[in-house]
Amino acid sequence: MRYFKILIPIIIIISFSFLSTTFAQTKLEGQKVPDFVTSTLDGKDFVLKDWLQRPDNKVLILTFFATWCELCDEDLKFFQRLQDQYADQGLQVFCVFTGSLSKIKVAKKYLEGLKIGLPVLMDNKRVISKRYKVAGFPSTYVIDREGFLRMKCLGCSEDVKTKFERNLKNLLPIS
C-alpha cells in the first residue's frame, strides 16, 4: 500500500510532463496511419483500412482511455460533445479501450456512468497503442478521410480543447 501511495503521484507528474508537447510534431503526423484490426466492445470486427476505404468514411478521432485515468473522464465527455455536434459534418469518434478483456464490464459501466455513447475499439494487447506510440492517457489522434494523421493530442485542459476543436474544424466541411 505504501508503494501505491508513492506510485500514483509519480504517474500524475509524468502524465503532466507530456502536456507541454500536446500539439508537437510527431513522426506519425502528416503520414499515413498504421492499419490495425480489432473488435468493438460489442464484439464486431473493425479494420481501419476497410473503414477508410468506405465511400461514406469520415474524419476519424481515436481517443485512447483507461478506466483508472481520472483525466480521461472530461476528455471522453468532450469527444462525446464533438461527436454530437459534428457527426453531420463528417466526424466519427472512436474510444480505444486499453484494458484487459476481464475489464470489459468495468469499461461498459465506466462509460455508462459518464453518459458516453461512442463506439469503443478494443486494444487489450496494446497493439494499437504501440503502433500509434501512445505515451500516456488520454491520447487522441485525428485521421483525415485519406488516412493521414492530422493531429495528435495528449491531455484535456481547456486550452488544449479549444485548440483541438479549432484545428478539427479545418478538416470538416462545416457549413
C-alpha atoms as a PDB file:
ATOM      1  CA  MET A   1       0.000   0.000   0.000  1.00  0.00           C
ATOM      2  CA  ARG A   2       2.893   2.330   0.800  1.00  0.00           C
ATOM      3  CA  TYR A   3       4.313   1.871  -2.691  1.00  0.00           C
ATOM      4  CA  PHE A   4       0.909   2.579  -4.230  1.00  0.00           C
ATOM      5  CA  LYS A   5       0.777   5.966  -2.459  1.00  0.00           C
ATOM      6  CA  ILE A   6       4.167   6.833  -3.939  1.00  0.00           C
ATOM      7  CA  LEU A   7       3.440   5.460  -7.413  1.00  0.00           C
ATOM      8  CA  ILE A   8       0.237   7.476  -8.059  1.00  0.00           C
ATOM      9  CA  PRO A   9       1.869  10.935  -7.692  1.00  0.00           C
ATOM     10  CA  ILE A  10       4.770   9.821  -9.899  1.00  0.00           C
ATOM     11  CA  ILE A  11       2.358   8.712 -12.636  1.00  0.00           C
ATOM     12  CA  ILE A  12       0.450  12.002 -12.405  1.00  0.00           C
ATOM     13  CA  ILE A  13       3.665  14.052 -12.639  1.00  0.00           C
ATOM     14  CA  ILE A  14       4.848  12.064 -15.642  1.00  0.00           C
ATOM     15  CA  SER A  15       1.454  12.485 -17.335  1.00  0.00           C
ATOM     16  CA  PHE A  16       1.531  16.263 -16.843  1.00  0.00           C
ATOM     17  CA  SER A  17       5.054  16.475 -18.220  1.00  0.00           C
ATOM     18  CA  PHE A  18       3.646  15.426 -21.585  1.00  0.00           C
ATOM     19  CA  LEU A  19       1.116  18.265 -21.677  1.00  0.00           C
ATOM     20  CA  SER A  20       3.652  20.769 -22.974  1.00  0.00           C
ATOM     21  CA  THR A  21       4.054  18.624 -26.087  1.00  0.00           C
ATOM     22  CA  THR A  22       0.342  18.459 -26.745  1.00  0.00           C
ATOM     23  CA  PHE A  23       0.493  19.672 -30.332  1.00  0.00           C
ATOM     24  CA  ALA A  24       4.159  18.939 -31.010  1.00  0.00           C
ATOM     25  CA  GLN A  25       5.012  17.469 -34.397  1.00  0.00           C
ATOM     26  CA  THR A  26       5.340  13.691 -34.234  1.00  0.00           C
ATOM     27  CA  LYS A  27       6.970  11.202 -36.568  1.00  0.00           C
ATOM     28  CA  LEU A  28       3.487   9.950 -37.490  1.00  0.00           C
ATOM     29  CA  GLU A  29       1.918  13.363 -38.097  1.00  0.00           C
ATOM     30  CA  GLY A  30       1.320  14.015 -41.792  1.00  0.00           C
ATOM     31  CA  GLN A  31       1.968  10.372 -42.659  1.00  0.00           C
ATOM     32  CA  LYS A  32      -0.399   7.507 -43.414  1.00  0.00           C
ATOM     33  CA  VAL A  33      -1.526   5.977 -40.152  1.00  0.00           C
ATOM     34  CA  PRO A  34      -0.716   2.362 -39.320  1.00  0.00           C
ATOM     35  CA  ASP A  35      -3.510  -0.066 -40.124  1.00  0.00           C
ATOM     36  CA  PHE A  36      -4.963  -2.280 -37.409  1.00  0.00           C
ATOM     37  CA  VAL A  37      -7.545  -4.992 -36.953  1.00  0.00           C
ATOM     38  CA  THR A  38      -9.539  -5.240 -33.757  1.00  0.00           C
ATOM     39  CA  SER A  39     -13.055  -5.694 -32.460  1.00  0.00           C
ATOM     40  CA  THR A  40     -15.503  -3.351 -30.822  1.00  0.00           C
ATOM     41  CA  LEU A  41     -16.598  -3.606 -27.237  1.00  0.00           C
ATOM     42  CA  ASP A  42     -19.762  -5.200 -28.650  1.00  0.00           C
ATOM     43  CA  GLY A  43     -17.756  -7.897 -30.474  1.00  0.00           C
ATOM     44  CA  LYS A  44     -17.960  -6.591 -34.062  1.00  0.00           C
ATOM     45  CA  ASP A  45     -14.860  -6.705 -36.300  1.00  0.00           C
ATOM     46  CA  PHE A  46     -13.143  -3.435 -37.171  1.00  0.00           C
ATOM     47  CA  VAL A  47     -10.404  -2.999 -39.800  1.00  0.00           C
ATOM     48  CA  LEU A  48      -9.132   0.565 -40.125  1.00  0.00           C
ATOM     49  CA  LYS A  49      -8.080   0.173 -43.772  1.00  0.00           C
ATOM     50  CA  ASP A  50     -11.565  -1.085 -44.715  1.00  0.00           C
ATOM     51  CA  TRP A  51     -13.228   1.719 -42.772  1.00  0.00           C
ATOM     52  CA  LEU A  52     -11.115   4.370 -44.531  1.00  0.00           C
ATOM     53  CA  GLN A  53     -11.948   2.911 -47.971  1.00  0.00           C
ATOM     54  CA  ARG A  54     -15.704   3.156 -47.477  1.00  0.00           C
ATOM     55  CA  PRO A  55     -17.361   5.775 -49.686  1.00  0.00           C
ATOM     56  CA  ASP A  56     -19.025   7.298 -46.606  1.00  0.00           C
ATOM     57  CA  ASN A  57     -15.864   7.418 -44.475  1.00  0.00           C
ATOM     58  CA  LYS A  58     -15.399  10.351 -42.146  1.00  0.00           C
ATOM     59  CA  VAL A  59     -12.708  12.238 -40.303  1.00  0.00           C
ATOM     60  CA  LEU A  60     -11.800   9.822 -37.556  1.00  0.00           C
ATOM     61  CA  ILE A  61     -10.815  10.539 -33.974  1.00  0.00           C
ATOM     62  CA  LEU A  62      -9.236   7.764 -31.928  1.00  0.00           C
ATOM     63  CA  THR A  63      -9.166   8.618 -28.238  1.00  0.00           C
ATOM     64  CA  PHE A  64      -7.267   6.158 -26.041  1.00  0.00           C
ATOM     65  CA  PHE A  65      -8.504   5.819 -22.477  1.00  0.00           C
ATOM     66  CA  ALA A  66      -8.219   3.707 -19.350  1.00  0.00           C
ATOM     67  CA  THR A  67     -10.852   3.395 -16.643  1.00  0.00           C
ATOM     68  CA  TRP A  68      -8.302   4.320 -13.947  1.00  0.00           C
ATOM     69  CA  CYS A  69      -7.385   7.568 -15.742  1.00  0.00           C
ATOM     70  CA  GLU A  70      -9.088  10.482 -13.993  1.00  0.00           C
ATOM     71  CA  LEU A  71      -8.162  12.889 -16.796  1.00  0.00           C
ATOM     72  CA  CYS A  72      -9.963  10.647 -19.279  1.00  0.00           C
ATOM     73  CA  ASP A  73     -13.383  11.437 -17.755  1.00  0.00           C
ATOM     74  CA  GLU A  74     -13.543  15.021 -19.030  1.00  0.00           C
ATOM     75  CA  ASP A  75     -11.739  14.085 -22.228  1.00  0.00           C
ATOM     76  CA  LEU A  76     -14.359  11.480 -23.131  1.00  0.00           C
ATOM     77  CA  LYS A  77     -17.189  13.917 -22.358  1.00  0.00           C
ATOM     78  CA  PHE A  78     -15.514  16.464 -24.647  1.00  0.00           C
ATOM     79  CA  PHE A  79     -15.300  13.950 -27.503  1.00  0.00           C
ATOM     80  CA  GLN A  80     -18.904  12.885 -26.982  1.00  0.00           C
ATOM     81  CA  ARG A  81     -19.894  16.541 -27.396  1.00  0.00           C
ATOM     82  CA  LEU A  82     -17.785  16.835 -30.568  1.00  0.00           C
ATOM     83  CA  GLN A  83     -19.389  13.694 -31.983  1.00  0.00           C
ATOM     84  CA  ASP A  84     -22.866  15.017 -31.230  1.00  0.00           C
ATOM     85  CA  GLN A  85     -22.046  18.431 -32.702  1.00  0.00           C
ATOM     86  CA  TYR A  86     -20.084  17.437 -35.823  1.00  0.00           C
ATOM     87  CA  ALA A  87     -21.358  13.995 -36.855  1.00  0.00           C
ATOM     88  CA  ASP A  88     -23.397  15.516 -39.689  1.00  0.00           C
ATOM     89  CA  GLN A  89     -20.293  17.286 -40.996  1.00  0.00           C
ATOM     90  CA  GLY A  90     -18.372  14.022 -41.312  1.00  0.00           C
ATOM     91  CA  LEU A  91     -16.854  13.239 -37.907  1.00  0.00           C
ATOM     92  CA  GLN A  92     -16.644   9.834 -36.220  1.00  0.00           C
ATOM     93  CA  VAL A  93     -15.105   9.422 -32.773  1.00  0.00           C
ATOM     94  CA  PHE A  94     -13.968   6.014 -31.536  1.00  0.00           C
ATOM     95  CA  CYS A  95     -12.831   5.379 -27.991  1.00  0.00           C
ATOM     96  CA  VAL A  96      -9.971   2.895 -27.730  1.00  0.00           C
ATOM     97  CA  PHE A  97     -10.115   0.821 -24.534  1.00  0.00           C
ATOM     98  CA  THR A  98      -6.674  -0.302 -23.424  1.00  0.00           C
ATOM     99  CA  GLY A  99      -7.738  -2.514 -20.526  1.00  0.00           C
ATOM    100  CA  SER A 100      -7.767  -6.283 -20.377  1.00  0.00           C
ATOM    101  CA  LEU A 101     -10.642  -8.442 -21.589  1.00  0.00           C
ATOM    102  CA  SER A 102     -11.531  -9.179 -17.971  1.00  0.00           C
ATOM    103  CA  LYS A 103     -12.317  -5.461 -17.527  1.00  0.00           C
ATOM    104  CA  ILE A 104     -14.958  -5.163 -20.266  1.00  0.00           C
ATOM    105  CA  LYS A 105     -17.829  -4.959 -17.770  1.00  0.00           C
ATOM    106  CA  VAL A 106     -15.917  -2.309 -15.836  1.00  0.00           C
ATOM    107  CA  ALA A 107     -15.375  -0.321 -19.048  1.00  0.00           C
ATOM    108  CA  LYS A 108     -19.055  -0.513 -20.000  1.00  0.00           C
ATOM    109  CA  LYS A 109     -20.118   0.651 -16.531  1.00  0.00           C
ATOM    110  CA  TYR A 110     -17.489   3.427 -16.598  1.00  0.00           C
ATOM    111  CA  LEU A 111     -18.730   4.730 -19.968  1.00  0.00           C
ATOM    112  CA  GLU A 112     -22.400   4.454 -18.948  1.00  0.00           C
ATOM    113  CA  GLY A 113     -21.628   6.438 -15.795  1.00  0.00           C
ATOM    114  CA  LEU A 114     -20.124   9.217 -17.910  1.00  0.00           C
ATOM    115  CA  LYS A 115     -23.037   9.003 -20.395  1.00  0.00           C
ATOM    116  CA  ILE A 116     -20.659   8.157 -23.243  1.00  0.00           C
ATOM    117  CA  GLY A 117     -22.345   6.502 -26.234  1.00  0.00           C
ATOM    118  CA  LEU A 118     -19.341   6.453 -28.555  1.00  0.00           C
ATOM    119  CA  PRO A 119     -18.276   3.204 -30.218  1.00  0.00           C
ATOM    120  CA  VAL A 120     -15.380   1.512 -28.422  1.00  0.00           C
ATOM    121  CA  LEU A 121     -12.489  -0.341 -30.041  1.00  0.00           C
ATOM    122  CA  MET A 122     -10.573  -2.948 -28.045  1.00  0.00           C
ATOM    123  CA  ASP A 123      -6.803  -2.732 -27.556  1.00  0.00           C
ATOM    124  CA  ASN A 124      -6.370  -5.250 -24.764  1.00  0.00           C
ATOM    125  CA  LYS A 125      -2.950  -6.396 -26.049  1.00  0.00           C
ATOM    126  CA  ARG A 126      -1.868  -2.776 -26.667  1.00  0.00           C
ATOM    127  CA  VAL A 127      -1.060  -3.473 -30.336  1.00  0.00           C
ATOM    128  CA  ILE A 128      -2.795  -0.277 -31.493  1.00  0.00           C
ATOM    129  CA  SER A 129      -1.221   1.749 -28.669  1.00  0.00           C
ATOM    130  CA  LYS A 130       2.241   0.600 -29.735  1.00  0.00           C
ATOM    131  CA  ARG A 131       1.639   1.329 -33.426  1.00  0.00           C
ATOM    132  CA  TYR A 132       0.423   4.818 -32.599  1.00  0.00           C
ATOM    133  CA  LYS A 133       3.130   5.387 -29.987  1.00  0.00           C
ATOM    134  CA  VAL A 134       0.671   6.242 -27.209  1.00  0.00           C
ATOM    135  CA  ALA A 135       2.726   7.884 -24.468  1.00  0.00           C
ATOM    136  CA  GLY A 136       0.029   8.434 -21.821  1.00  0.00           C
ATOM    137  CA  PHE A 137      -3.661   8.925 -21.211  1.00  0.00           C
ATOM    138  CA  PRO A 138      -5.755  10.448 -22.519  1.00  0.00           C
ATOM    139  CA  SER A 139      -4.195  10.366 -26.001  1.00  0.00           C
ATOM    140  CA  THR A 140      -6.084  11.380 -29.105  1.00  0.00           C
ATOM    141  CA  TYR A 141      -5.339  11.037 -32.814  1.00  0.00           C
ATOM    142  CA  VAL A 142      -7.181  12.694 -35.695  1.00  0.00           C
ATOM    143  CA  ILE A 143      -7.104  10.896 -39.035  1.00  0.00           C
ATOM    144  CA  ASP A 144      -8.367  12.542 -42.210  1.00  0.00           C
ATOM    145  CA  ARG A 145     -10.519  10.814 -44.843  1.00  0.00           C
ATOM    146  CA  GLU A 146      -7.433   9.727 -46.801  1.00  0.00           C
ATOM    147  CA  GLY A 147      -5.853   8.020 -43.787  1.00  0.00           C
ATOM    148  CA  PHE A 148      -3.272  10.659 -42.842  1.00  0.00           C
ATOM    149  CA  LEU A 149      -2.616  11.645 -39.236  1.00  0.00           C
ATOM    150  CA  ARG A 150      -3.505  15.332 -38.869  1.00  0.00           C
ATOM    151  CA  MET A 151      -3.323  15.864 -35.099  1.00  0.00           C
ATOM    152  CA  LYS A 152      -2.033  14.128 -32.024  1.00  0.00           C
ATOM    153  CA  CYS A 153      -3.057  15.389 -28.622  1.00  0.00           C
ATOM    154  CA  LEU A 154      -2.144  14.411 -25.073  1.00  0.00           C
ATOM    155  CA  GLY A 155      -4.190  15.919 -22.291  1.00  0.00           C
ATOM    156  CA  CYS A 156      -7.517  17.607 -21.788  1.00  0.00           C
ATOM    157  CA  SER A 157      -7.017  21.146 -20.474  1.00  0.00           C
ATOM    158  CA  GLU A 158      -9.432  23.826 -21.674  1.00  0.00           C
ATOM    159  CA  ASP A 159      -6.670  25.399 -23.760  1.00  0.00           C
ATOM    160  CA  VAL A 160      -5.968  22.042 -25.418  1.00  0.00           C
ATOM    161  CA  LYS A 161      -9.681  21.518 -26.124  1.00  0.00           C
ATOM    162  CA  THR A 162     -10.022  24.975 -27.706  1.00  0.00           C
ATOM    163  CA  LYS A 163      -7.008  24.462 -29.983  1.00  0.00           C
ATOM    164  CA  PHE A 164      -8.104  20.930 -30.793  1.00  0.00           C
ATOM    165  CA  GLU A 165     -11.610  21.961 -31.850  1.00  0.00           C
ATOM    166  CA  ARG A 166     -10.299  24.894 -33.894  1.00  0.00           C
ATOM    167  CA  ASN A 167      -7.893  22.568 -35.761  1.00  0.00           C
ATOM    168  CA  LEU A 168     -10.615  19.940 -36.207  1.00  0.00           C
ATOM    169  CA  LYS A 169     -12.924  22.468 -37.887  1.00  0.00           C
ATOM    170  CA  ASN A 170     -10.287  22.906 -40.608  1.00  0.00           C
ATOM    171  CA  LEU A 171     -10.722  19.229 -41.548  1.00  0.00           C
ATOM    172  CA  LEU A 172     -14.520  19.253 -41.621  1.00  0.00           C
ATOM    173  CA  PRO A 173     -16.743  20.856 -44.270  1.00  0.00           C
ATOM    174  CA  ILE A 174     -18.678  22.883 -41.703  1.00  0.00           C
ATOM    175  CA  SER A 175     -21.472  24.991 -43.099  1.00  0.00           C
END
